[in-house]
């Protein structure tokens, strides 16, 4: 069945539209680079047909996710280092420069309290999977899983995992979920109540990585949303408003500077110039 999903995947890739993103506020590459830290998850609002389906089914603006690992030795594009690890439909798991998503709407989700050692493990886990293929069956299963309806609800109750089950194939959110699972960092674990001799208590159970979507990192109570504009220091008094700038320009135009009396006389209508000369 692998060949079937490969053919379907190639068809999906052809149907994908180029990412012509238009962020609400333009991204500042310097601000993004100074704000991001290794271990951060960068969410991206894609504009392709498949991206639109994912956003609709997850009721979220985010259709893609990438892990920020910092500059990678030996991986660069046009002298810009690759700092992201992602899985995309066209290439599978690859590294990418930050400028790739400069013109897209993005969000930084940061794991809180992640130790330096565990952060290195998370980044290394993702980096070691560069070259894996994209799991098209996982995408198709995920859409079926998220689609509302009586048939999918019954199927959802019996489903343990999604995708092909091939360890050499993965999707973007599953890749990042597996990296955090490697250090037991929670994203959206299932909370279950268990009975013991000391009473009832709640325990967390790891969800299978194939069920995760980019939205889950945004709504996770264990990831903090970081906005570069605020992280670098923001003062609303420094904003330049278009209407105020136009008003200032109009004032300058309506009140030109007059240097001396001769200029003042020259600027008068002819009748007033004669009156000024005879006075």
C-alpha atoms as a PDB file:
ATOM      1  CA  UNK A   1       0.000   0.000   0.000  1.00  0.00           C
ATOM      2  CA  UNK A   2       3.026   2.267   0.356  1.00  0.00           C
ATOM      3  CA  UNK A   3       3.146   2.959  -3.410  1.00  0.00           C
ATOM      4  CA  UNK A   4      -0.502   4.023  -3.355  1.00  0.00           C
ATOM      5  CA  UNK A   5       0.060   6.656  -0.677  1.00  0.00           C
ATOM      6  CA  UNK A   6       3.249   7.791  -2.425  1.00  0.00           C
ATOM      7  CA  UNK A   7       1.214   8.451  -5.576  1.00  0.00           C
ATOM      8  CA  UNK A   8      -1.483  10.183  -3.552  1.00  0.00           C
ATOM      9  CA  UNK A   9       1.213  12.228  -1.854  1.00  0.00           C
ATOM     10  CA  UNK A  10       2.679  13.341  -5.153  1.00  0.00           C
ATOM     11  CA  UNK A  11      -0.808  14.360  -6.271  1.00  0.00           C
ATOM     12  CA  UNK A  12      -1.289  16.330  -3.049  1.00  0.00           C
ATOM     13  CA  UNK A  13       2.057  18.039  -3.552  1.00  0.00           C
ATOM     14  CA  UNK A  14       0.996  19.138  -7.047  1.00  0.00           C
ATOM     15  CA  UNK A  15      -2.290  20.449  -5.693  1.00  0.00           C
ATOM     16  CA  UNK A  16      -0.498  22.522  -3.095  1.00  0.00           C
ATOM     17  CA  UNK A  17      -0.401  26.222  -3.934  1.00  0.00           C
ATOM     18  CA  UNK A  18       2.756  28.277  -3.338  1.00  0.00           C
ATOM     19  CA  UNK A  19       2.845  29.810   0.139  1.00  0.00           C
ATOM     20  CA  UNK A  20       1.902  33.409  -0.590  1.00  0.00           C
ATOM     21  CA  UNK A  21       1.548  34.411   3.037  1.00  0.00           C
ATOM     22  CA  UNK A  22       0.457  37.849   4.100  1.00  0.00           C
ATOM     23  CA  UNK A  23       1.015  38.372   7.850  1.00  0.00           C
ATOM     24  CA  UNK A  24      -1.138  40.804   9.807  1.00  0.00           C
ATOM     25  CA  UNK A  25       2.068  42.526  10.879  1.00  0.00           C
ATOM     26  CA  UNK A  26       5.314  42.131   8.895  1.00  0.00           C
ATOM     27  CA  UNK A  27       7.840  39.808  10.491  1.00  0.00           C
ATOM     28  CA  UNK A  28      11.172  41.323  11.407  1.00  0.00           C
ATOM     29  CA  UNK A  29      13.864  38.738  10.643  1.00  0.00           C
ATOM     30  CA  UNK A  30      16.210  40.285  13.199  1.00  0.00           C
ATOM     31  CA  UNK A  31      13.501  40.274  15.869  1.00  0.00           C
ATOM     32  CA  UNK A  32      12.627  36.627  15.136  1.00  0.00           C
ATOM     33  CA  UNK A  33      16.275  35.589  15.184  1.00  0.00           C
ATOM     34  CA  UNK A  34      16.936  37.384  18.489  1.00  0.00           C
ATOM     35  CA  UNK A  35      13.783  36.004  20.125  1.00  0.00           C
ATOM     36  CA  UNK A  36      13.883  32.336  19.102  1.00  0.00           C
ATOM     37  CA  UNK A  37      15.714  29.839  21.311  1.00  0.00           C
ATOM     38  CA  UNK A  38      16.625  26.202  20.698  1.00  0.00           C
ATOM     39  CA  UNK A  39      13.616  24.043  21.550  1.00  0.00           C
ATOM     40  CA  UNK A  40      11.058  26.652  20.437  1.00  0.00           C
ATOM     41  CA  UNK A  41       8.268  25.501  18.144  1.00  0.00           C
ATOM     42  CA  UNK A  42       7.537  27.855  15.241  1.00  0.00           C
ATOM     43  CA  UNK A  43       3.948  27.613  14.007  1.00  0.00           C
ATOM     44  CA  UNK A  44       3.199  28.740  10.445  1.00  0.00           C
ATOM     45  CA  UNK A  45      -0.034  29.736   8.737  1.00  0.00           C
ATOM     46  CA  UNK A  46       0.157  28.062   5.322  1.00  0.00           C
ATOM     47  CA  UNK A  47      -1.910  29.130   2.313  1.00  0.00           C
ATOM     48  CA  UNK A  48      -2.082  25.931   0.239  1.00  0.00           C
ATOM     49  CA  UNK A  49      -5.185  23.812  -0.304  1.00  0.00           C
ATOM     50  CA  UNK A  50      -4.032  21.136   2.130  1.00  0.00           C
ATOM     51  CA  UNK A  51      -3.089  23.824   4.647  1.00  0.00           C
ATOM     52  CA  UNK A  52      -6.585  25.234   4.365  1.00  0.00           C
ATOM     53  CA  UNK A  53      -8.080  21.807   5.071  1.00  0.00           C
ATOM     54  CA  UNK A  54      -5.903  21.356   8.168  1.00  0.00           C
ATOM     55  CA  UNK A  55      -6.820  24.804   9.462  1.00  0.00           C
ATOM     56  CA  UNK A  56     -10.514  24.126   8.895  1.00  0.00           C
ATOM     57  CA  UNK A  57     -10.510  20.718  10.583  1.00  0.00           C
ATOM     58  CA  UNK A  58      -8.419  21.881  13.560  1.00  0.00           C
ATOM     59  CA  UNK A  59     -10.262  25.227  13.802  1.00  0.00           C
ATOM     60  CA  UNK A  60      -6.910  26.965  13.981  1.00  0.00           C
ATOM     61  CA  UNK A  61      -4.786  29.400  11.981  1.00  0.00           C
ATOM     62  CA  UNK A  62      -1.766  27.064  12.084  1.00  0.00           C
ATOM     63  CA  UNK A  63      -1.186  24.376   9.469  1.00  0.00           C
ATOM     64  CA  UNK A  64       2.562  23.756   9.795  1.00  0.00           C
ATOM     65  CA  UNK A  65       5.155  23.543  12.565  1.00  0.00           C
ATOM     66  CA  UNK A  66       8.947  23.566  12.699  1.00  0.00           C
ATOM     67  CA  UNK A  67      11.452  23.117  15.525  1.00  0.00           C
ATOM     68  CA  UNK A  68      14.076  25.807  16.085  1.00  0.00           C
ATOM     69  CA  UNK A  69      17.434  24.171  16.840  1.00  0.00           C
ATOM     70  CA  UNK A  70      19.822  27.077  16.221  1.00  0.00           C
ATOM     71  CA  UNK A  71      22.499  27.425  13.501  1.00  0.00           C
ATOM     72  CA  UNK A  72      23.466  24.061  12.053  1.00  0.00           C
ATOM     73  CA  UNK A  73      27.086  23.502  11.010  1.00  0.00           C
ATOM     74  CA  UNK A  74      27.403  22.709   7.315  1.00  0.00           C
ATOM     75  CA  UNK A  75      23.797  23.616   6.474  1.00  0.00           C
ATOM     76  CA  UNK A  76      23.238  27.023   4.928  1.00  0.00           C
ATOM     77  CA  UNK A  77      21.468  28.742   2.045  1.00  0.00           C
ATOM     78  CA  UNK A  78      22.954  31.882   0.470  1.00  0.00           C
ATOM     79  CA  UNK A  79      25.245  32.300   3.482  1.00  0.00           C
ATOM     80  CA  UNK A  80      22.225  32.121   5.819  1.00  0.00           C
ATOM     81  CA  UNK A  81      22.447  29.220   8.292  1.00  0.00           C
ATOM     82  CA  UNK A  82      19.697  26.637   8.592  1.00  0.00           C
ATOM     83  CA  UNK A  83      18.096  26.855  12.028  1.00  0.00           C
ATOM     84  CA  UNK A  84      14.800  24.960  11.631  1.00  0.00           C
ATOM     85  CA  UNK A  85      13.970  21.259  11.377  1.00  0.00           C
ATOM     86  CA  UNK A  86      10.669  20.479   9.665  1.00  0.00           C
ATOM     87  CA  UNK A  87       8.828  17.831   7.686  1.00  0.00           C
ATOM     88  CA  UNK A  88       7.082  19.037   4.551  1.00  0.00           C
ATOM     89  CA  UNK A  89       5.145  17.347   1.775  1.00  0.00           C
ATOM     90  CA  UNK A  90       7.646  18.086  -0.977  1.00  0.00           C
ATOM     91  CA  UNK A  91      10.907  17.030   0.729  1.00  0.00           C
ATOM     92  CA  UNK A  92      10.210  15.083   3.914  1.00  0.00           C
ATOM     93  CA  UNK A  93      12.332  15.963   6.957  1.00  0.00           C
ATOM     94  CA  UNK A  94      14.776  18.763   6.125  1.00  0.00           C
ATOM     95  CA  UNK A  95      16.530  21.743   7.658  1.00  0.00           C
ATOM     96  CA  UNK A  96      15.562  25.271   6.623  1.00  0.00           C
ATOM     97  CA  UNK A  97      16.603  28.910   7.116  1.00  0.00           C
ATOM     98  CA  UNK A  98      14.482  31.272   9.172  1.00  0.00           C
ATOM     99  CA  UNK A  99      13.884  33.585   6.200  1.00  0.00           C
ATOM    100  CA  UNK A 100      11.737  30.858   4.598  1.00  0.00           C
ATOM    101  CA  UNK A 101       8.824  32.006   6.753  1.00  0.00           C
ATOM    102  CA  UNK A 102       9.668  35.699   6.972  1.00  0.00           C
ATOM    103  CA  UNK A 103       6.556  36.660   5.002  1.00  0.00           C
ATOM    104  CA  UNK A 104       4.223  34.236   6.774  1.00  0.00           C
ATOM    105  CA  UNK A 105       2.101  34.622   9.839  1.00  0.00           C
ATOM    106  CA  UNK A 106       4.005  32.821  12.599  1.00  0.00           C
ATOM    107  CA  UNK A 107       3.817  32.104  16.325  1.00  0.00           C
ATOM    108  CA  UNK A 108       6.545  31.051  18.745  1.00  0.00           C
ATOM    109  CA  UNK A 109       5.591  28.397  21.322  1.00  0.00           C
ATOM    110  CA  UNK A 110       8.239  27.882  24.005  1.00  0.00           C
ATOM    111  CA  UNK A 111       8.458  24.902  26.387  1.00  0.00           C
ATOM    112  CA  UNK A 112       8.619  26.239  29.933  1.00  0.00           C
ATOM    113  CA  UNK A 113      11.313  24.986  32.301  1.00  0.00           C
ATOM    114  CA  UNK A 114      12.995  22.668  29.782  1.00  0.00           C
ATOM    115  CA  UNK A 115      16.496  21.888  31.055  1.00  0.00           C
ATOM    116  CA  UNK A 116      19.541  22.531  28.891  1.00  0.00           C
ATOM    117  CA  UNK A 117      20.338  18.814  28.677  1.00  0.00           C
ATOM    118  CA  UNK A 118      16.782  17.914  27.654  1.00  0.00           C
ATOM    119  CA  UNK A 119      16.698  20.779  25.146  1.00  0.00           C
ATOM    120  CA  UNK A 120      19.823  19.404  23.491  1.00  0.00           C
ATOM    121  CA  UNK A 121      18.215  15.954  23.380  1.00  0.00           C
ATOM    122  CA  UNK A 122      15.065  17.348  21.735  1.00  0.00           C
ATOM    123  CA  UNK A 123      17.070  19.227  19.081  1.00  0.00           C
ATOM    124  CA  UNK A 124      19.369  16.266  18.445  1.00  0.00           C
ATOM    125  CA  UNK A 125      16.399  13.904  18.089  1.00  0.00           C
ATOM    126  CA  UNK A 126      14.892  16.077  15.351  1.00  0.00           C
ATOM    127  CA  UNK A 127      18.222  16.678  13.610  1.00  0.00           C
ATOM    128  CA  UNK A 128      18.979  12.951  13.429  1.00  0.00           C
ATOM    129  CA  UNK A 129      15.765  12.395  11.477  1.00  0.00           C
ATOM    130  CA  UNK A 130      16.673  14.621   8.558  1.00  0.00           C
ATOM    131  CA  UNK A 131      16.183  12.582   5.400  1.00  0.00           C
ATOM    132  CA  UNK A 132      13.062  10.709   6.519  1.00  0.00           C
ATOM    133  CA  UNK A 133      10.123  10.686   4.106  1.00  0.00           C
ATOM    134  CA  UNK A 134       6.753  12.330   4.589  1.00  0.00           C
ATOM    135  CA  UNK A 135       3.949  10.118   5.869  1.00  0.00           C
ATOM    136  CA  UNK A 136       1.087  10.926   3.504  1.00  0.00           C
ATOM    137  CA  UNK A 137      -1.120   8.267   5.087  1.00  0.00           C
ATOM    138  CA  UNK A 138      -0.797  10.054   8.433  1.00  0.00           C
ATOM    139  CA  UNK A 139      -2.185  13.233   6.850  1.00  0.00           C
ATOM    140  CA  UNK A 140      -5.092  11.364   5.261  1.00  0.00           C
ATOM    141  CA  UNK A 141      -5.833   9.474   8.492  1.00  0.00           C
ATOM    142  CA  UNK A 142      -5.595  12.690  10.494  1.00  0.00           C
ATOM    143  CA  UNK A 143      -8.164  14.352   8.246  1.00  0.00           C
ATOM    144  CA  UNK A 144     -10.483  11.373   8.660  1.00  0.00           C
ATOM    145  CA  UNK A 145      -9.901  11.435  12.409  1.00  0.00           C
ATOM    146  CA  UNK A 146     -10.717  15.135  12.714  1.00  0.00           C
ATOM    147  CA  UNK A 147     -13.653  15.119  10.309  1.00  0.00           C
ATOM    148  CA  UNK A 148     -16.954  15.323  12.245  1.00  0.00           C
ATOM    149  CA  UNK A 149     -19.471  12.577  11.581  1.00  0.00           C
ATOM    150  CA  UNK A 150     -20.950   9.359  13.026  1.00  0.00           C
ATOM    151  CA  UNK A 151     -18.706   7.066  10.953  1.00  0.00           C
ATOM    152  CA  UNK A 152     -15.515   8.850  11.929  1.00  0.00           C
ATOM    153  CA  UNK A 153     -16.572   8.931  15.587  1.00  0.00           C
ATOM    154  CA  UNK A 154     -16.849   5.126  15.639  1.00  0.00           C
ATOM    155  CA  UNK A 155     -13.538   4.772  13.806  1.00  0.00           C
ATOM    156  CA  UNK A 156     -11.951   7.282  16.174  1.00  0.00           C
ATOM    157  CA  UNK A 157     -12.909   5.201  19.194  1.00  0.00           C
ATOM    158  CA  UNK A 158     -11.076   2.160  17.830  1.00  0.00           C
ATOM    159  CA  UNK A 159      -8.003   3.990  16.522  1.00  0.00           C
ATOM    160  CA  UNK A 160      -4.761   3.574  18.474  1.00  0.00           C
ATOM    161  CA  UNK A 161      -2.430   5.313  16.020  1.00  0.00           C
ATOM    162  CA  UNK A 162      -2.575   7.038  12.655  1.00  0.00           C
ATOM    163  CA  UNK A 163      -0.371   6.787   9.616  1.00  0.00           C
ATOM    164  CA  UNK A 164       1.542   4.066   7.819  1.00  0.00           C
ATOM    165  CA  UNK A 165       3.398   2.795  10.873  1.00  0.00           C
ATOM    166  CA  UNK A 166       6.621   3.134   8.862  1.00  0.00           C
ATOM    167  CA  UNK A 167       9.394   4.511  11.083  1.00  0.00           C
ATOM    168  CA  UNK A 168      11.024   6.125   8.035  1.00  0.00           C
ATOM    169  CA  UNK A 169       8.012   8.389   7.407  1.00  0.00           C
ATOM    170  CA  UNK A 170       6.627  11.208   9.544  1.00  0.00           C
ATOM    171  CA  UNK A 171       4.713  14.528   9.457  1.00  0.00           C
ATOM    172  CA  UNK A 172       5.740  17.885  10.931  1.00  0.00           C
ATOM    173  CA  UNK A 173       3.794  17.874  14.208  1.00  0.00           C
ATOM    174  CA  UNK A 174       4.521  14.185  14.866  1.00  0.00           C
ATOM    175  CA  UNK A 175       8.251  14.786  14.443  1.00  0.00           C
ATOM    176  CA  UNK A 176       8.235  17.529  17.084  1.00  0.00           C
ATOM    177  CA  UNK A 177       5.940  15.554  19.395  1.00  0.00           C
ATOM    178  CA  UNK A 178       8.306  12.572  19.276  1.00  0.00           C
ATOM    179  CA  UNK A 179      11.257  14.837  20.056  1.00  0.00           C
ATOM    180  CA  UNK A 180       9.560  16.121  23.217  1.00  0.00           C
ATOM    181  CA  UNK A 181       8.326  12.637  24.124  1.00  0.00           C
ATOM    182  CA  UNK A 182      11.997  11.581  24.181  1.00  0.00           C
ATOM    183  CA  UNK A 183      12.482  13.684  27.326  1.00  0.00           C
ATOM    184  CA  UNK A 184       8.949  13.214  28.708  1.00  0.00           C
ATOM    185  CA  UNK A 185       7.998  16.855  28.165  1.00  0.00           C
ATOM    186  CA  UNK A 186       4.171  17.134  27.991  1.00  0.00           C
ATOM    187  CA  UNK A 187       2.266  18.672  25.101  1.00  0.00           C
ATOM    188  CA  UNK A 188      -1.352  17.568  25.538  1.00  0.00           C
ATOM    189  CA  UNK A 189      -1.207  14.332  27.534  1.00  0.00           C
ATOM    190  CA  UNK A 190      -4.320  12.378  28.355  1.00  0.00           C
ATOM    191  CA  UNK A 191      -5.140  12.698  32.045  1.00  0.00           C
ATOM    192  CA  UNK A 192      -6.544   9.551  33.644  1.00  0.00           C
ATOM    193  CA  UNK A 193      -7.750   8.855  37.161  1.00  0.00           C
ATOM    194  CA  UNK A 194      -6.397   5.733  38.806  1.00  0.00           C
ATOM    195  CA  UNK A 195      -7.249   4.073  42.106  1.00  0.00           C
ATOM    196  CA  UNK A 196      -4.528   3.135  44.557  1.00  0.00           C
ATOM    197  CA  UNK A 197      -4.212   2.218  48.218  1.00  0.00           C
ATOM    198  CA  UNK A 198      -3.714   5.863  49.068  1.00  0.00           C
ATOM    199  CA  UNK A 199      -6.800   6.955  47.116  1.00  0.00           C
ATOM    200  CA  UNK A 200      -7.644   8.289  43.690  1.00  0.00           C
ATOM    201  CA  UNK A 201      -5.060  10.306  41.792  1.00  0.00           C
ATOM    202  CA  UNK A 202      -4.535  11.686  38.307  1.00  0.00           C
ATOM    203  CA  UNK A 203      -1.723  10.509  36.035  1.00  0.00           C
ATOM    204  CA  UNK A 204      -0.649  11.699  32.589  1.00  0.00           C
ATOM    205  CA  UNK A 205      -0.495   9.329  29.661  1.00  0.00           C
ATOM    206  CA  UNK A 206       1.437  10.181  26.503  1.00  0.00           C
ATOM    207  CA  UNK A 207      -0.695  10.424  23.365  1.00  0.00           C
ATOM    208  CA  UNK A 208       0.593   8.788  20.233  1.00  0.00           C
ATOM    209  CA  UNK A 209       2.605  11.301  18.211  1.00  0.00           C
ATOM    210  CA  UNK A 210       0.561  10.652  15.051  1.00  0.00           C
ATOM    211  CA  UNK A 211      -2.468  12.397  16.608  1.00  0.00           C
ATOM    212  CA  UNK A 212      -0.763  15.767  17.093  1.00  0.00           C
ATOM    213  CA  UNK A 213      -1.425  18.828  14.958  1.00  0.00           C
ATOM    214  CA  UNK A 214       0.344  22.236  14.928  1.00  0.00           C
ATOM    215  CA  UNK A 215      -2.580  23.699  16.900  1.00  0.00           C
ATOM    216  CA  UNK A 216      -1.765  21.492  19.907  1.00  0.00           C
ATOM    217  CA  UNK A 217       1.440  23.390  20.664  1.00  0.00           C
ATOM    218  CA  UNK A 218      -0.519  26.652  20.676  1.00  0.00           C
ATOM    219  CA  UNK A 219      -3.207  25.474  23.114  1.00  0.00           C
ATOM    220  CA  UNK A 220      -0.885  23.374  25.289  1.00  0.00           C
ATOM    221  CA  UNK A 221      -0.752  24.667  28.887  1.00  0.00           C
ATOM    222  CA  UNK A 222       2.939  23.710  28.977  1.00  0.00           C
ATOM    223  CA  UNK A 223       4.080  25.965  26.094  1.00  0.00           C
ATOM    224  CA  UNK A 224       4.298  29.746  26.392  1.00  0.00           C
ATOM    225  CA  UNK A 225       3.430  31.982  23.438  1.00  0.00           C
ATOM    226  CA  UNK A 226       6.290  34.422  22.821  1.00  0.00           C
ATOM    227  CA  UNK A 227       5.802  37.509  20.637  1.00  0.00           C
ATOM    228  CA  UNK A 228       9.028  39.097  19.307  1.00  0.00           C
ATOM    229  CA  UNK A 229       7.575  42.620  19.357  1.00  0.00           C
ATOM    230  CA  UNK A 230       6.861  42.395  23.088  1.00  0.00           C
ATOM    231  CA  UNK A 231       9.933  40.335  23.975  1.00  0.00           C
ATOM    232  CA  UNK A 232      12.260  43.019  22.581  1.00  0.00           C
ATOM    233  CA  UNK A 233      10.489  45.825  24.439  1.00  0.00           C
ATOM    234  CA  UNK A 234       7.414  47.655  23.152  1.00  0.00           C
ATOM    235  CA  UNK A 235       6.279  51.226  23.810  1.00  0.00           C
ATOM    236  CA  UNK A 236       3.033  52.254  22.174  1.00  0.00           C
ATOM    237  CA  UNK A 237       4.165  55.904  22.335  1.00  0.00           C
ATOM    238  CA  UNK A 238       6.758  55.124  19.658  1.00  0.00           C
ATOM    239  CA  UNK A 239       4.128  54.096  17.103  1.00  0.00           C
ATOM    240  CA  UNK A 240       3.946  56.175  13.919  1.00  0.00           C
ATOM    241  CA  UNK A 241       0.320  56.607  12.896  1.00  0.00           C
ATOM    242  CA  UNK A 242      -0.510  57.310   9.258  1.00  0.00           C
ATOM    243  CA  UNK A 243      -3.301  59.794   9.961  1.00  0.00           C
ATOM    244  CA  UNK A 244      -1.100  61.868  12.277  1.00  0.00           C
ATOM    245  CA  UNK A 245       1.715  61.891   9.736  1.00  0.00           C
ATOM    246  CA  UNK A 246      -0.673  63.168   7.010  1.00  0.00           C
ATOM    247  CA  UNK A 247      -1.964  65.900   9.299  1.00  0.00           C
ATOM    248  CA  UNK A 248       1.583  67.038  10.013  1.00  0.00           C
ATOM    249  CA  UNK A 249       2.430  67.120   6.294  1.00  0.00           C
ATOM    250  CA  UNK A 250      -0.705  69.132   5.544  1.00  0.00           C
ATOM    251  CA  UNK A 251       0.186  71.677   8.195  1.00  0.00           C
ATOM    252  CA  UNK A 252       3.638  72.174   6.710  1.00  0.00           C
ATOM    253  CA  UNK A 253       2.216  72.600   3.210  1.00  0.00           C
ATOM    254  CA  UNK A 254      -0.386  75.149   4.283  1.00  0.00           C
ATOM    255  CA  UNK A 255       2.077  77.302   6.216  1.00  0.00           C
ATOM    256  CA  UNK A 256       5.268  77.824   4.121  1.00  0.00           C
ATOM    257  CA  UNK A 257       8.144  79.651   5.690  1.00  0.00           C
ATOM    258  CA  UNK A 258       8.622  83.342   4.691  1.00  0.00           C
ATOM    259  CA  UNK A 259      12.248  84.442   4.870  1.00  0.00           C
ATOM    260  CA  UNK A 260      12.131  88.280   4.521  1.00  0.00           C
ATOM    261  CA  UNK A 261       9.895  91.253   3.628  1.00  0.00           C
ATOM    262  CA  UNK A 262      10.717  91.152  -0.081  1.00  0.00           C
ATOM    263  CA  UNK A 263       9.631  87.539  -0.243  1.00  0.00           C
ATOM    264  CA  UNK A 264       6.513  88.474   1.705  1.00  0.00           C
ATOM    265  CA  UNK A 265       5.663  91.241  -0.771  1.00  0.00           C
ATOM    266  CA  UNK A 266       6.333  88.984  -3.741  1.00  0.00           C
ATOM    267  CA  UNK A 267       3.935  86.422  -2.372  1.00  0.00           C
ATOM    268  CA  UNK A 268       1.062  88.982  -2.128  1.00  0.00           C
ATOM    269  CA  UNK A 269      -1.575  89.400  -4.824  1.00  0.00           C
ATOM    270  CA  UNK A 270      -0.843  92.274  -7.310  1.00  0.00           C
ATOM    271  CA  UNK A 271      -3.325  94.695  -5.702  1.00  0.00           C
ATOM    272  CA  UNK A 272      -1.717  94.325  -2.279  1.00  0.00           C
ATOM    273  CA  UNK A 273       1.793  94.663  -3.777  1.00  0.00           C
ATOM    274  CA  UNK A 274       0.854  98.118  -5.212  1.00  0.00           C
ATOM    275  CA  UNK A 275      -0.610  99.162  -1.903  1.00  0.00           C
ATOM    276  CA  UNK A 276       2.557  98.113  -0.115  1.00  0.00           C
ATOM    277  CA  UNK A 277       4.778 100.099  -2.513  1.00  0.00           C
ATOM    278  CA  UNK A 278       2.743 103.355  -2.161  1.00  0.00           C
ATOM    279  CA  UNK A 279       2.596 103.149   1.617  1.00  0.00           C
END
